[in-house]
C-alpha cells in the first residue's frame, strides 16, 4: 500500500477510484485492504473538507428535510410553530422564525440551533 498526500485534483481522482475499488471488495477492517481503505478514506475526506466545503443548510430547508425524514406533518408542527396557517407562512418564507420557534424546533426536532439562526430570504 503506497499512501501519499492528496494535494491536487488528479491525485484526488486517482485516490477516489482506488477507494471505490476497495469498497467494492468489501474487505475486513483488519485486512491490509481494509486498513488501506480506512487511510485513503480519511485522506479523501480531509481533501473534500478543504476543497468542497458544504455550507449549513437554510433553516426552512432544514425543517422541510426533518419533516420528510421523520414523516412530520403540518399538524405535527403546530405545537412547535403555531396554528397551521402560521406553519404554512413559515414554510412559505412569509414569516420569519421567532426565537421561541427556534428553541422548540431545536429541542423537539433536534435541528441544530446554529442552522435555525442562520440568515435566510423571506418571500
PDB file of N, CA and C in Angstrom:
ATOM      1  N   UNK A   1       0.857  -1.179   0.000  1.00  0.00           N
ATOM      2  CA  UNK A   1       0.000   0.000   0.000  1.00  0.00           C
ATOM      3  C   UNK A   1       0.892   1.228   0.000  1.00  0.00           C
ATOM      4  N   UNK A   2       0.795   2.010  -1.058  1.00  0.00           N
ATOM      5  CA  UNK A   2       1.522   3.270  -1.122  1.00  0.00           C
ATOM      6  C   UNK A   2       0.515   4.385  -0.881  1.00  0.00           C
ATOM      7  N   UNK A   3       0.726   5.119   0.186  1.00  0.00           N
ATOM      8  CA  UNK A   3      -0.189   6.201   0.545  1.00  0.00           C
ATOM      9  C   UNK A   3       0.558   7.510   0.417  1.00  0.00           C
ATOM     10  N   UNK A   4      -0.066   8.469  -0.265  1.00  0.00           N
ATOM     11  CA  UNK A   4       0.543   9.784  -0.378  1.00  0.00           C
ATOM     12  C   UNK A   4      -0.520  10.854  -0.182  1.00  0.00           C
ATOM     13  N   UNK A   5      -0.060  11.996   0.234  1.00  0.00           N
ATOM     14  CA  UNK A   5      -0.963  13.116   0.496  1.00  0.00           C
ATOM     15  C   UNK A   5      -1.703  13.508  -0.783  1.00  0.00           C
ATOM     16  N   UNK A   6      -2.922  13.967  -0.615  1.00  0.00           N
ATOM     17  CA  UNK A   6      -3.724  14.439  -1.749  1.00  0.00           C
ATOM     18  C   UNK A   6      -3.588  15.955  -1.797  1.00  0.00           C
ATOM     19  N   UNK A   7      -2.866  16.434  -2.820  1.00  0.00           N
ATOM     20  CA  UNK A   7      -2.614  17.871  -2.923  1.00  0.00           C
ATOM     21  C   UNK A   7      -3.200  18.501  -4.188  1.00  0.00           C
ATOM     22  N   UNK A   8      -3.671  17.651  -5.100  1.00  0.00           N
ATOM     23  CA  UNK A   8      -4.227  18.189  -6.339  1.00  0.00           C
ATOM     24  C   UNK A   8      -5.398  17.323  -6.808  1.00  0.00           C
ATOM     25  N   UNK A   9      -6.099  17.839  -7.793  1.00  0.00           N
ATOM     26  CA  UNK A   9      -7.311  17.178  -8.293  1.00  0.00           C
ATOM     27  C   UNK A   9      -7.018  15.816  -8.916  1.00  0.00           C
ATOM     28  N   UNK A  10      -5.897  15.699  -9.616  1.00  0.00           N
ATOM     29  CA  UNK A  10      -5.549  14.428 -10.246  1.00  0.00           C
ATOM     30  C   UNK A  10      -5.315  13.338  -9.192  1.00  0.00           C
ATOM     31  N   UNK A  11      -4.572  13.658  -8.156  1.00  0.00           N
ATOM     32  CA  UNK A  11      -4.319  12.691  -7.081  1.00  0.00           C
ATOM     33  C   UNK A  11      -5.622  12.363  -6.368  1.00  0.00           C
ATOM     34  N   UNK A  12      -6.473  13.359  -6.197  1.00  0.00           N
ATOM     35  CA  UNK A  12      -7.780  13.149  -5.563  1.00  0.00           C
ATOM     36  C   UNK A  12      -8.594  12.136  -6.374  1.00  0.00           C
ATOM     37  N   UNK A  13      -8.666  12.336  -7.676  1.00  0.00           N
ATOM     38  CA  UNK A  13      -9.459  11.430  -8.528  1.00  0.00           C
ATOM     39  C   UNK A  13      -8.886  10.014  -8.545  1.00  0.00           C
ATOM     40  N   UNK A  14      -7.574   9.906  -8.575  1.00  0.00           N
ATOM     41  CA  UNK A  14      -6.926   8.594  -8.546  1.00  0.00           C
ATOM     42  C   UNK A  14      -7.221   7.883  -7.226  1.00  0.00           C
ATOM     43  N   UNK A  15      -7.097   8.627  -6.138  1.00  0.00           N
ATOM     44  CA  UNK A  15      -7.360   8.053  -4.815  1.00  0.00           C
ATOM     45  C   UNK A  15      -8.820   7.667  -4.681  1.00  0.00           C
ATOM     46  N   UNK A  16      -9.703   8.503  -5.199  1.00  0.00           N
ATOM     47  CA  UNK A  16     -11.133   8.211  -5.154  1.00  0.00           C
ATOM     48  C   UNK A  16     -11.455   6.928  -5.916  1.00  0.00           C
ATOM     49  N   UNK A  17     -10.806   6.723  -7.052  1.00  0.00           N
ATOM     50  CA  UNK A  17     -11.008   5.491  -7.827  1.00  0.00           C
ATOM     51  C   UNK A  17     -10.534   4.274  -7.030  1.00  0.00           C
ATOM     52  N   UNK A  18      -9.419   4.411  -6.334  1.00  0.00           N
ATOM     53  CA  UNK A  18      -8.910   3.296  -5.518  1.00  0.00           C
ATOM     54  C   UNK A  18      -9.862   3.014  -4.363  1.00  0.00           C
ATOM     55  N   UNK A  19     -10.373   4.060  -3.729  1.00  0.00           N
ATOM     56  CA  UNK A  19     -11.335   3.888  -2.637  1.00  0.00           C
ATOM     57  C   UNK A  19     -12.564   3.154  -3.149  1.00  0.00           C
ATOM     58  N   UNK A  20     -13.047   3.546  -4.319  1.00  0.00           N
ATOM     59  CA  UNK A  20     -14.224   2.900  -4.906  1.00  0.00           C
ATOM     60  C   UNK A  20     -13.960   1.408  -5.150  1.00  0.00           C
ATOM     61  N   UNK A  21     -12.783   1.095  -5.670  1.00  0.00           N
ATOM     62  CA  UNK A  21     -12.433  -0.311  -5.922  1.00  0.00           C
ATOM     63  C   UNK A  21     -12.358  -1.091  -4.610  1.00  0.00           C
ATOM     64  N   UNK A  22     -11.803  -0.476  -3.583  1.00  0.00           N
ATOM     65  CA  UNK A  22     -11.706  -1.140  -2.283  1.00  0.00           C
ATOM     66  C   UNK A  22     -13.086  -1.346  -1.661  1.00  0.00           C
ATOM     67  N   UNK A  23     -13.967  -0.375  -1.804  1.00  0.00           N
ATOM     68  CA  UNK A  23     -15.323  -0.505  -1.270  1.00  0.00           C
ATOM     69  C   UNK A  23     -16.020  -1.680  -1.945  1.00  0.00           C
ATOM     70  N   UNK A  24     -15.819  -1.826  -3.251  1.00  0.00           N
ATOM     71  CA  UNK A  24     -16.427  -2.944  -3.981  1.00  0.00           C
ATOM     72  C   UNK A  24     -15.925  -4.300  -3.471  1.00  0.00           C
ATOM     73  N   UNK A  25     -14.680  -4.332  -2.990  1.00  0.00           N
ATOM     74  CA  UNK A  25     -14.126  -5.573  -2.443  1.00  0.00           C
ATOM     75  C   UNK A  25     -14.710  -5.922  -1.076  1.00  0.00           C
ATOM     76  N   UNK A  26     -15.195  -4.915  -0.367  1.00  0.00           N
ATOM     77  CA  UNK A  26     -15.745  -5.072   0.976  1.00  0.00           C
ATOM     78  C   UNK A  26     -14.777  -5.844   1.886  1.00  0.00           C
ATOM     79  N   UNK A  27     -13.563  -5.293   2.065  1.00  0.00           N
ATOM     80  CA  UNK A  27     -12.561  -6.007   2.849  1.00  0.00           C
ATOM     81  C   UNK A  27     -12.863  -5.979   4.351  1.00  0.00           C
ATOM     82  N   UNK A  28     -12.329  -6.967   5.052  1.00  0.00           N
ATOM     83  CA  UNK A  28     -12.433  -6.978   6.514  1.00  0.00           C
ATOM     84  C   UNK A  28     -11.618  -5.802   7.048  1.00  0.00           C
ATOM     85  N   UNK A  29     -12.100  -5.148   8.106  1.00  0.00           N
ATOM     86  CA  UNK A  29     -11.408  -3.960   8.633  1.00  0.00           C
ATOM     87  C   UNK A  29      -9.948  -4.199   9.013  1.00  0.00           C
ATOM     88  N   UNK A  30      -9.611  -5.402   9.470  1.00  0.00           N
ATOM     89  CA  UNK A  30      -8.242  -5.665   9.914  1.00  0.00           C
ATOM     90  C   UNK A  30      -7.351  -6.246   8.810  1.00  0.00           C
ATOM     91  N   UNK A  31      -7.871  -6.338   7.598  1.00  0.00           N
ATOM     92  CA  UNK A  31      -7.070  -6.829   6.467  1.00  0.00           C
ATOM     93  C   UNK A  31      -6.246  -5.661   5.908  1.00  0.00           C
ATOM     94  N   UNK A  32      -5.207  -5.972   5.130  1.00  0.00           N
ATOM     95  CA  UNK A  32      -4.427  -4.884   4.511  1.00  0.00           C
ATOM     96  C   UNK A  32      -5.291  -3.963   3.646  1.00  0.00           C
ATOM     97  N   UNK A  33      -6.231  -4.543   2.895  1.00  0.00           N
ATOM     98  CA  UNK A  33      -7.126  -3.723   2.061  1.00  0.00           C
ATOM     99  C   UNK A  33      -8.061  -2.878   2.919  1.00  0.00           C
ATOM    100  N   UNK A  34      -8.519  -3.446   4.030  1.00  0.00           N
ATOM    101  CA  UNK A  34      -9.391  -2.706   4.940  1.00  0.00           C
ATOM    102  C   UNK A  34      -8.675  -1.526   5.560  1.00  0.00           C
ATOM    103  N   UNK A  35      -7.421  -1.732   5.934  1.00  0.00           N
ATOM    104  CA  UNK A  35      -6.629  -0.641   6.503  1.00  0.00           C
ATOM    105  C   UNK A  35      -6.330   0.421   5.444  1.00  0.00           C
ATOM    106  N   UNK A  36      -6.036  -0.030   4.216  1.00  0.00           N
ATOM    107  CA  UNK A  36      -5.807   0.920   3.122  1.00  0.00           C
ATOM    108  C   UNK A  36      -7.058   1.749   2.878  1.00  0.00           C
ATOM    109  N   UNK A  37      -8.211   1.103   2.858  1.00  0.00           N
ATOM    110  CA  UNK A  37      -9.479   1.813   2.665  1.00  0.00           C
ATOM    111  C   UNK A  37      -9.687   2.861   3.755  1.00  0.00           C
ATOM    112  N   UNK A  38      -9.419   2.512   4.989  1.00  0.00           N
ATOM    113  CA  UNK A  38      -9.603   3.452   6.092  1.00  0.00           C
ATOM    114  C   UNK A  38      -8.679   4.668   5.952  1.00  0.00           C
ATOM    115  N   UNK A  39      -7.412   4.424   5.632  1.00  0.00           N
ATOM    116  CA  UNK A  39      -6.448   5.518   5.493  1.00  0.00           C
ATOM    117  C   UNK A  39      -6.807   6.398   4.303  1.00  0.00           C
ATOM    118  N   UNK A  40      -7.078   5.780   3.150  1.00  0.00           N
ATOM    119  CA  UNK A  40      -7.420   6.564   1.960  1.00  0.00           C
ATOM    120  C   UNK A  40      -8.734   7.322   2.150  1.00  0.00           C
ATOM    121  N   UNK A  41      -9.692   6.694   2.826  1.00  0.00           N
ATOM    122  CA  UNK A  41     -10.961   7.371   3.104  1.00  0.00           C
ATOM    123  C   UNK A  41     -10.755   8.621   3.943  1.00  0.00           C
ATOM    124  N   UNK A  42      -9.860   8.532   4.908  1.00  0.00           N
ATOM    125  CA  UNK A  42      -9.555   9.692   5.752  1.00  0.00           C
ATOM    126  C   UNK A  42      -8.899  10.804   4.934  1.00  0.00           C
ATOM    127  N   UNK A  43      -7.971  10.429   4.045  1.00  0.00           N
ATOM    128  CA  UNK A  43      -7.322  11.425   3.195  1.00  0.00           C
ATOM    129  C   UNK A  43      -8.315  12.096   2.246  1.00  0.00           C
ATOM    130  N   UNK A  44      -9.192  11.301   1.644  1.00  0.00           N
ATOM    131  CA  UNK A  44     -10.208  11.855   0.739  1.00  0.00           C
ATOM    132  C   UNK A  44     -11.135  12.800   1.502  1.00  0.00           C
ATOM    133  N   UNK A  45     -11.561  12.387   2.689  1.00  0.00           N
ATOM    134  CA  UNK A  45     -12.445  13.239   3.494  1.00  0.00           C
ATOM    135  C   UNK A  45     -11.778  14.571   3.822  1.00  0.00           C
ATOM    136  N   UNK A  46     -10.498  14.541   4.192  1.00  0.00           N
ATOM    137  CA  UNK A  46      -9.775  15.773   4.510  1.00  0.00           C
ATOM    138  C   UNK A  46      -9.668  16.675   3.282  1.00  0.00           C
ATOM    139  N   UNK A  47      -9.370  16.093   2.127  1.00  0.00           N
ATOM    140  CA  UNK A  47      -9.278  16.882   0.890  1.00  0.00           C
ATOM    141  C   UNK A  47     -10.626  17.510   0.538  1.00  0.00           C
ATOM    142  N   UNK A  48     -11.692  16.719   0.624  1.00  0.00           N
ATOM    143  CA  UNK A  48     -13.026  17.226   0.291  1.00  0.00           C
ATOM    144  C   UNK A  48     -13.470  18.316   1.254  1.00  0.00           C
ATOM    145  N   UNK A  49     -13.135  18.183   2.520  1.00  0.00           N
ATOM    146  CA  UNK A  49     -13.496  19.205   3.501  1.00  0.00           C
ATOM    147  C   UNK A  49     -12.828  20.533   3.151  1.00  0.00           C
ATOM    148  N   UNK A  50     -11.576  20.454   2.709  1.00  0.00           N
ATOM    149  CA  UNK A  50     -10.843  21.667   2.348  1.00  0.00           C
ATOM    150  C   UNK A  50     -11.291  22.262   1.014  1.00  0.00           C
ATOM    151  N   UNK A  51     -11.537  21.413   0.029  1.00  0.00           N
ATOM    152  CA  UNK A  51     -11.787  21.905  -1.324  1.00  0.00           C
ATOM    153  C   UNK A  51     -13.251  21.929  -1.755  1.00  0.00           C
ATOM    154  N   UNK A  52     -14.100  21.200  -1.074  1.00  0.00           N
ATOM    155  CA  UNK A  52     -15.516  21.153  -1.419  1.00  0.00           C
ATOM    156  C   UNK A  52     -16.366  21.306  -0.156  1.00  0.00           C
ATOM    157  N   UNK A  53     -16.209  22.429   0.543  1.00  0.00           N
ATOM    158  CA  UNK A  53     -16.961  22.578   1.801  1.00  0.00           C
ATOM    159  C   UNK A  53     -18.466  22.636   1.540  1.00  0.00           C
ATOM    160  N   UNK A  54     -19.193  22.063   2.460  1.00  0.00           N
ATOM    161  CA  UNK A  54     -20.650  22.085   2.378  1.00  0.00           C
ATOM    162  C   UNK A  54     -21.140  23.051   3.441  1.00  0.00           C
ATOM    163  N   UNK A  55     -21.819  24.088   3.014  1.00  0.00           N
ATOM    164  CA  UNK A  55     -22.319  25.086   3.943  1.00  0.00           C
ATOM    165  C   UNK A  55     -23.504  24.562   4.738  1.00  0.00           C
ATOM    166  N   UNK A  56     -23.857  25.301   5.756  1.00  0.00           N
ATOM    167  CA  UNK A  56     -25.018  24.935   6.562  1.00  0.00           C
ATOM    168  C   UNK A  56     -26.276  25.057   5.719  1.00  0.00           C
ATOM    169  N   UNK A  57     -27.248  24.194   5.972  1.00  0.00           N
ATOM    170  CA  UNK A  57     -28.491  24.295   5.204  1.00  0.00           C
ATOM    171  C   UNK A  57     -29.290  25.525   5.618  1.00  0.00           C
ATOM    172  N   UNK A  58     -30.128  25.942   4.744  1.00  0.00           N
ATOM    173  CA  UNK A  58     -31.078  27.021   5.004  1.00  0.00           C
ATOM    174  C   UNK A  58     -32.034  26.537   6.100  1.00  0.00           C
ATOM    175  N   UNK A  59     -32.419  27.387   7.064  1.00  0.00           N
ATOM    176  CA  UNK A  59     -33.301  26.942   8.151  1.00  0.00           C
ATOM    177  C   UNK A  59     -34.608  26.304   7.673  1.00  0.00           C
ATOM    178  N   UNK A  60     -35.233  26.877   6.681  1.00  0.00           N
ATOM    179  CA  UNK A  60     -36.510  26.335   6.194  1.00  0.00           C
ATOM    180  C   UNK A  60     -36.279  24.988   5.510  1.00  0.00           C
ATOM    181  N   UNK A  61     -35.202  24.876   4.743  1.00  0.00           N
ATOM    182  CA  UNK A  61     -34.882  23.599   4.112  1.00  0.00           C
ATOM    183  C   UNK A  61     -34.565  22.542   5.166  1.00  0.00           C
ATOM    184  N   UNK A  62     -33.923  22.950   6.251  1.00  0.00           N
ATOM    185  CA  UNK A  62     -33.627  22.012   7.339  1.00  0.00           C
ATOM    186  C   UNK A  62     -34.922  21.499   7.975  1.00  0.00           C
ATOM    187  N   UNK A  63     -35.883  22.379   8.157  1.00  0.00           N
ATOM    188  CA  UNK A  63     -37.187  21.974   8.719  1.00  0.00           C
ATOM    189  C   UNK A  63     -37.882  21.021   7.754  1.00  0.00           C
ATOM    190  N   UNK A  64     -37.894  21.377   6.475  1.00  0.00           N
ATOM    191  CA  UNK A  64     -38.538  20.519   5.466  1.00  0.00           C
ATOM    192  C   UNK A  64     -37.857  19.138   5.400  1.00  0.00           C
ATOM    193  N   UNK A  65     -36.540  19.129   5.485  1.00  0.00           N
ATOM    194  CA  UNK A  65     -35.807  17.867   5.459  1.00  0.00           C
ATOM    195  C   UNK A  65     -36.191  17.007   6.667  1.00  0.00           C
ATOM    196  N   UNK A  66     -36.238  17.626   7.844  1.00  0.00           N
ATOM    197  CA  UNK A  66     -36.601  16.869   9.052  1.00  0.00           C
ATOM    198  C   UNK A  66     -38.028  16.361   8.951  1.00  0.00           C
ATOM    199  N   UNK A  67     -38.924  17.163   8.364  1.00  0.00           N
ATOM    200  CA  UNK A  67     -40.300  16.720   8.173  1.00  0.00           C
ATOM    201  C   UNK A  67     -40.331  15.474   7.291  1.00  0.00           C
ATOM    202  N   UNK A  68     -39.622  15.537   6.177  1.00  0.00           N
ATOM    203  CA  UNK A  68     -39.595  14.412   5.238  1.00  0.00           C
ATOM    204  C   UNK A  68     -38.932  13.191   5.872  1.00  0.00           C
ATOM    205  N   UNK A  69     -37.830  13.432   6.548  1.00  0.00           N
ATOM    206  CA  UNK A  69     -37.061  12.357   7.154  1.00  0.00           C
ATOM    207  C   UNK A  69     -37.852  11.625   8.236  1.00  0.00           C
ATOM    208  N   UNK A  70     -38.620  12.375   9.014  1.00  0.00           N
ATOM    209  CA  UNK A  70     -39.328  11.805  10.162  1.00  0.00           C
ATOM    210  C   UNK A  70     -40.823  11.624   9.942  1.00  0.00           C
ATOM    211  N   UNK A  71     -41.315  11.943   8.748  1.00  0.00           N
ATOM    212  CA  UNK A  71     -42.741  11.798   8.484  1.00  0.00           C
ATOM    213  C   UNK A  71     -43.587  12.792   9.268  1.00  0.00           C
ATOM    214  N   UNK A  72     -43.054  13.974   9.506  1.00  0.00           N
ATOM    215  CA  UNK A  72     -43.751  15.002  10.286  1.00  0.00           C
ATOM    216  C   UNK A  72     -44.691  15.769   9.362  1.00  0.00           C
ATOM    217  N   UNK A  73     -45.885  16.033   9.847  1.00  0.00           N
ATOM    218  CA  UNK A  73     -46.885  16.768   9.074  1.00  0.00           C
ATOM    219  C   UNK A  73     -46.995  18.204   9.589  1.00  0.00           C
ATOM    220  N   UNK A  74     -47.745  19.002   8.846  1.00  0.00           N
ATOM    221  CA  UNK A  74     -48.029  20.377   9.273  1.00  0.00           C
ATOM    222  C   UNK A  74     -48.682  20.347  10.652  1.00  0.00           C
ATOM    223  N   UNK A  75     -49.598  19.428  10.841  1.00  0.00           N
ATOM    224  CA  UNK A  75     -50.301  19.288  12.124  1.00  0.00           C
ATOM    225  C   UNK A  75     -49.308  19.011  13.261  1.00  0.00           C
ATOM    226  N   UNK A  76     -48.293  18.204  12.980  1.00  0.00           N
ATOM    227  CA  UNK A  76     -47.279  17.897  13.990  1.00  0.00           C
ATOM    228  C   UNK A  76     -46.453  19.118  14.373  1.00  0.00           C
ATOM    229  N   UNK A  77     -46.339  20.079  13.450  1.00  0.00           N
ATOM    230  CA  UNK A  77     -45.556  21.282  13.725  1.00  0.00           C
ATOM    231  C   UNK A  77     -46.330  22.350  14.498  1.00  0.00           C
ATOM    232  N   UNK A  78     -47.640  22.201  14.584  1.00  0.00           N
ATOM    233  CA  UNK A  78     -48.447  23.222  15.262  1.00  0.00           C
ATOM    234  C   UNK A  78     -48.009  23.492  16.702  1.00  0.00           C
ATOM    235  N   UNK A  79     -47.720  22.480  17.526  1.00  0.00           N
ATOM    236  CA  UNK A  79     -47.273  22.782  18.890  1.00  0.00           C
ATOM    237  C   UNK A  79     -45.898  23.474  18.934  1.00  0.00           C
ATOM    238  N   UNK A  80     -45.164  23.379  17.847  1.00  0.00           N
ATOM    239  CA  UNK A  80     -43.817  23.938  17.804  1.00  0.00           C
ATOM    240  C   UNK A  80     -43.817  25.345  17.214  1.00  0.00           C
ATOM    241  N   UNK A  81     -44.567  25.535  16.130  1.00  0.00           N
ATOM    242  CA  UNK A  81     -44.553  26.814  15.410  1.00  0.00           C
ATOM    243  C   UNK A  81     -45.802  27.639  15.657  1.00  0.00           C
ATOM    244  N   UNK A  82     -46.936  27.008  15.757  1.00  0.00           N
ATOM    245  CA  UNK A  82     -48.202  27.726  15.940  1.00  0.00           C
ATOM    246  C   UNK A  82     -49.272  27.100  15.062  1.00  0.00           C
ATOM    247  N   UNK A  83     -50.401  27.766  14.980  1.00  0.00           N
ATOM    248  CA  UNK A  83     -51.508  27.241  14.174  1.00  0.00           C
ATOM    249  C   UNK A  83     -51.059  26.960  12.750  1.00  0.00           C
ATOM    250  N   UNK A  84     -51.834  26.124  12.056  1.00  0.00           N
ATOM    251  CA  UNK A  84     -51.423  25.661  10.729  1.00  0.00           C
ATOM    252  C   UNK A  84     -51.143  26.807   9.760  1.00  0.00           C
ATOM    253  N   UNK A  85     -51.917  27.883   9.842  1.00  0.00           N
ATOM    254  CA  UNK A  85     -51.654  29.000   8.930  1.00  0.00           C
ATOM    255  C   UNK A  85     -50.276  29.612   9.195  1.00  0.00           C
ATOM    256  N   UNK A  86     -49.859  29.640  10.457  1.00  0.00           N
ATOM    257  CA  UNK A  86     -48.528  30.155  10.788  1.00  0.00           C
ATOM    258  C   UNK A  86     -47.450  29.188  10.277  1.00  0.00           C
ATOM    259  N   UNK A  87     -47.681  27.895  10.412  1.00  0.00           N
ATOM    260  CA  UNK A  87     -46.723  26.906   9.908  1.00  0.00           C
ATOM    261  C   UNK A  87     -46.546  27.088   8.402  1.00  0.00           C
ATOM    262  N   UNK A  88     -47.672  27.225   7.684  1.00  0.00           N
ATOM    263  CA  UNK A  88     -47.599  27.424   6.235  1.00  0.00           C
ATOM    264  C   UNK A  88     -46.849  28.714   5.899  1.00  0.00           C
ATOM    265  N   UNK A  89     -47.085  29.778   6.657  1.00  0.00           N
ATOM    266  CA  UNK A  89     -46.398  31.050   6.409  1.00  0.00           C
ATOM    267  C   UNK A  89     -44.889  30.905   6.612  1.00  0.00           C
ATOM    268  N   UNK A  90     -44.489  30.208   7.661  1.00  0.00           N
ATOM    269  CA  UNK A  90     -43.061  29.995   7.918  1.00  0.00           C
ATOM    270  C   UNK A  90     -42.450  29.164   6.794  1.00  0.00           C
ATOM    271  N   UNK A  91     -43.098  28.068   6.430  1.00  0.00           N
ATOM    272  CA  UNK A  91     -42.557  27.197   5.383  1.00  0.00           C
ATOM    273  C   UNK A  91     -42.555  27.864   4.009  1.00  0.00           C
ATOM    274  N   UNK A  92     -43.452  28.834   3.806  1.00  0.00           N
ATOM    275  CA  UNK A  92     -43.501  29.579   2.549  1.00  0.00           C
ATOM    276  C   UNK A  92     -42.591  30.809   2.590  1.00  0.00           C
ATOM    277  N   UNK A  93     -41.887  30.982   3.704  1.00  0.00           N
ATOM    278  CA  UNK A  93     -40.955  32.097   3.891  1.00  0.00           C
ATOM    279  C   UNK A  93     -41.653  33.448   3.947  1.00  0.00           C
ATOM    280  N   UNK A  94     -42.884  33.457   4.378  1.00  0.00           N
ATOM    281  CA  UNK A  94     -43.624  34.710   4.514  1.00  0.00           C
ATOM    282  C   UNK A  94     -43.547  35.254   5.933  1.00  0.00           C
ATOM    283  N   UNK A  95     -43.108  34.413   6.856  1.00  0.00           N
ATOM    284  CA  UNK A  95     -42.980  34.808   8.259  1.00  0.00           C
ATOM    285  C   UNK A  95     -41.657  34.236   8.770  1.00  0.00           C
ATOM    286  N   UNK A  96     -40.869  35.072   9.459  1.00  0.00           N
ATOM    287  CA  UNK A  96     -39.593  34.567   9.979  1.00  0.00           C
ATOM    288  C   UNK A  96     -39.786  33.698  11.216  1.00  0.00           C
ATOM    289  N   UNK A  97     -38.804  32.865  11.465  1.00  0.00           N
ATOM    290  CA  UNK A  97     -38.803  32.074  12.696  1.00  0.00           C
ATOM    291  C   UNK A  97     -38.555  33.016  13.878  1.00  0.00           C
ATOM    292  N   UNK A  98     -39.263  32.802  14.950  1.00  0.00           N
ATOM    293  CA  UNK A  98     -39.023  33.575  16.167  1.00  0.00           C
ATOM    294  C   UNK A  98     -38.048  32.797  17.054  1.00  0.00           C
ATOM    295  N   UNK A  99     -37.533  33.455  18.061  1.00  0.00           N
ATOM    296  CA  UNK A  99     -36.624  32.791  18.988  1.00  0.00           C
ATOM    297  C   UNK A  99     -37.315  31.615  19.673  1.00  0.00           C
ATOM    298  N   UNK A 100     -38.582  31.791  20.058  1.00  0.00           N
ATOM    299  CA  UNK A 100     -39.325  30.700  20.706  1.00  0.00           C
ATOM    300  C   UNK A 100     -39.494  29.512  19.758  1.00  0.00           C
ATOM    301  N   UNK A 101     -39.785  29.784  18.485  1.00  0.00           N
ATOM    302  CA  UNK A 101     -39.911  28.702  17.496  1.00  0.00           C
ATOM    303  C   UNK A 101     -38.582  27.969  17.342  1.00  0.00           C
ATOM    304  N   UNK A 102     -37.502  28.750  17.258  1.00  0.00           N
ATOM    305  CA  UNK A 102     -36.170  28.166  17.098  1.00  0.00           C
ATOM    306  C   UNK A 102     -35.853  27.249  18.267  1.00  0.00           C
ATOM    307  N   UNK A 103     -36.133  27.709  19.462  1.00  0.00           N
ATOM    308  CA  UNK A 103     -35.863  26.878  20.651  1.00  0.00           C
ATOM    309  C   UNK A 103     -36.666  25.580  20.618  1.00  0.00           C
ATOM    310  N   UNK A 104     -37.948  25.682  20.261  1.00  0.00           N
ATOM    311  CA  UNK A 104     -38.784  24.475  20.224  1.00  0.00           C
ATOM    312  C   UNK A 104     -38.360  23.525  19.100  1.00  0.00           C
ATOM    313  N   UNK A 105     -38.006  24.066  17.938  1.00  0.00           N
ATOM    314  CA  UNK A 105     -37.536  23.225  16.828  1.00  0.00           C
ATOM    315  C   UNK A 105     -36.249  22.510  17.216  1.00  0.00           C
ATOM    316  N   UNK A 106     -35.393  23.207  17.910  1.00  0.00           N
ATOM    317  CA  UNK A 106     -34.142  22.609  18.365  1.00  0.00           C
ATOM    318  C   UNK A 106     -34.406  21.509  19.385  1.00  0.00           C
ATOM    319  N   UNK A 107     -35.233  21.796  20.371  1.00  0.00           N
ATOM    320  CA  UNK A 107     -35.495  20.845  21.447  1.00  0.00           C
ATOM    321  C   UNK A 107     -36.310  19.645  20.974  1.00  0.00           C
ATOM    322  N   UNK A 108     -37.365  19.891  20.244  1.00  0.00           N
ATOM    323  CA  UNK A 108     -38.289  18.802  19.887  1.00  0.00           C
ATOM    324  C   UNK A 108     -37.906  18.034  18.621  1.00  0.00           C
ATOM    325  N   UNK A 109     -37.269  18.727  17.674  1.00  0.00           N
ATOM    326  CA  UNK A 109     -36.919  18.044  16.424  1.00  0.00           C
ATOM    327  C   UNK A 109     -35.426  17.795  16.289  1.00  0.00           C
ATOM    328  N   UNK A 110     -34.643  18.372  17.188  1.00  0.00           N
ATOM    329  CA  UNK A 110     -33.209  18.152  17.160  1.00  0.00           C
ATOM    330  C   UNK A 110     -32.482  18.865  16.030  1.00  0.00           C
ATOM    331  N   UNK A 111     -33.106  19.874  15.459  1.00  0.00           N
ATOM    332  CA  UNK A 111     -32.435  20.656  14.419  1.00  0.00           C
ATOM    333  C   UNK A 111     -31.453  21.581  15.135  1.00  0.00           C
ATOM    334  N   UNK A 112     -30.183  21.581  14.744  1.00  0.00           N
ATOM    335  CA  UNK A 112     -29.203  22.411  15.441  1.00  0.00           C
ATOM    336  C   UNK A 112     -29.585  23.894  15.433  1.00  0.00           C
ATOM    337  N   UNK A 113     -29.428  24.521  16.585  1.00  0.00           N
ATOM    338  CA  UNK A 113     -29.750  25.944  16.703  1.00  0.00           C
ATOM    339  C   UNK A 113     -28.905  26.775  15.743  1.00  0.00           C
ATOM    340  N   UNK A 114     -27.666  26.361  15.517  1.00  0.00           N
ATOM    341  CA  UNK A 114     -26.790  27.100  14.600  1.00  0.00           C
ATOM    342  C   UNK A 114     -27.367  27.147  13.178  1.00  0.00           C
ATOM    343  N   UNK A 115     -28.095  26.117  12.801  1.00  0.00           N
ATOM    344  CA  UNK A 115     -28.748  26.089  11.487  1.00  0.00           C
ATOM    345  C   UNK A 115     -29.990  26.984  11.504  1.00  0.00           C
ATOM    346  N   UNK A 116     -30.760  26.886  12.569  1.00  0.00           N
ATOM    347  CA  UNK A 116     -32.030  27.617  12.647  1.00  0.00           C
ATOM    348  C   UNK A 116     -31.841  29.139  12.752  1.00  0.00           C
ATOM    349  N   UNK A 117     -30.700  29.591  13.294  1.00  0.00           N
ATOM    350  CA  UNK A 117     -30.492  31.032  13.430  1.00  0.00           C
ATOM    351  C   UNK A 117     -29.817  31.637  12.211  1.00  0.00           C
ATOM    352  N   UNK A 118     -29.476  30.807  11.230  1.00  0.00           N
ATOM    353  CA  UNK A 118     -28.831  31.310  10.014  1.00  0.00           C
ATOM    354  C   UNK A 118     -29.758  32.250   9.263  1.00  0.00           C
ATOM    355  N   UNK A 119     -29.147  33.201   8.568  1.00  0.00           N
ATOM    356  CA  UNK A 119     -29.930  34.110   7.734  1.00  0.00           C
ATOM    357  C   UNK A 119     -30.556  33.349   6.574  1.00  0.00           C
ATOM    358  N   UNK A 120     -31.740  33.755   6.196  1.00  0.00           N
ATOM    359  CA  UNK A 120     -32.391  33.194   5.019  1.00  0.00           C
ATOM    360  C   UNK A 120     -33.313  34.244   4.445  1.00  0.00           C
ATOM    361  N   UNK A 121     -33.702  34.050   3.204  1.00  0.00           N
ATOM    362  CA  UNK A 121     -34.501  35.026   2.487  1.00  0.00           C
ATOM    363  C   UNK A 121     -35.977  34.770   2.688  1.00  0.00           C
ATOM    364  N   UNK A 122     -36.704  35.835   3.004  1.00  0.00           N
ATOM    365  CA  UNK A 122     -38.167  35.758   3.086  1.00  0.00           C
ATOM    366  C   UNK A 122     -38.751  36.077   1.717  1.00  0.00           C
ATOM    367  N   UNK A 123     -39.905  35.509   1.429  1.00  0.00           N
ATOM    368  CA  UNK A 123     -40.553  35.726   0.129  1.00  0.00           C
ATOM    369  C   UNK A 123     -41.193  37.087   0.075  1.00  0.00           C
TER     370      UNK A 123
END
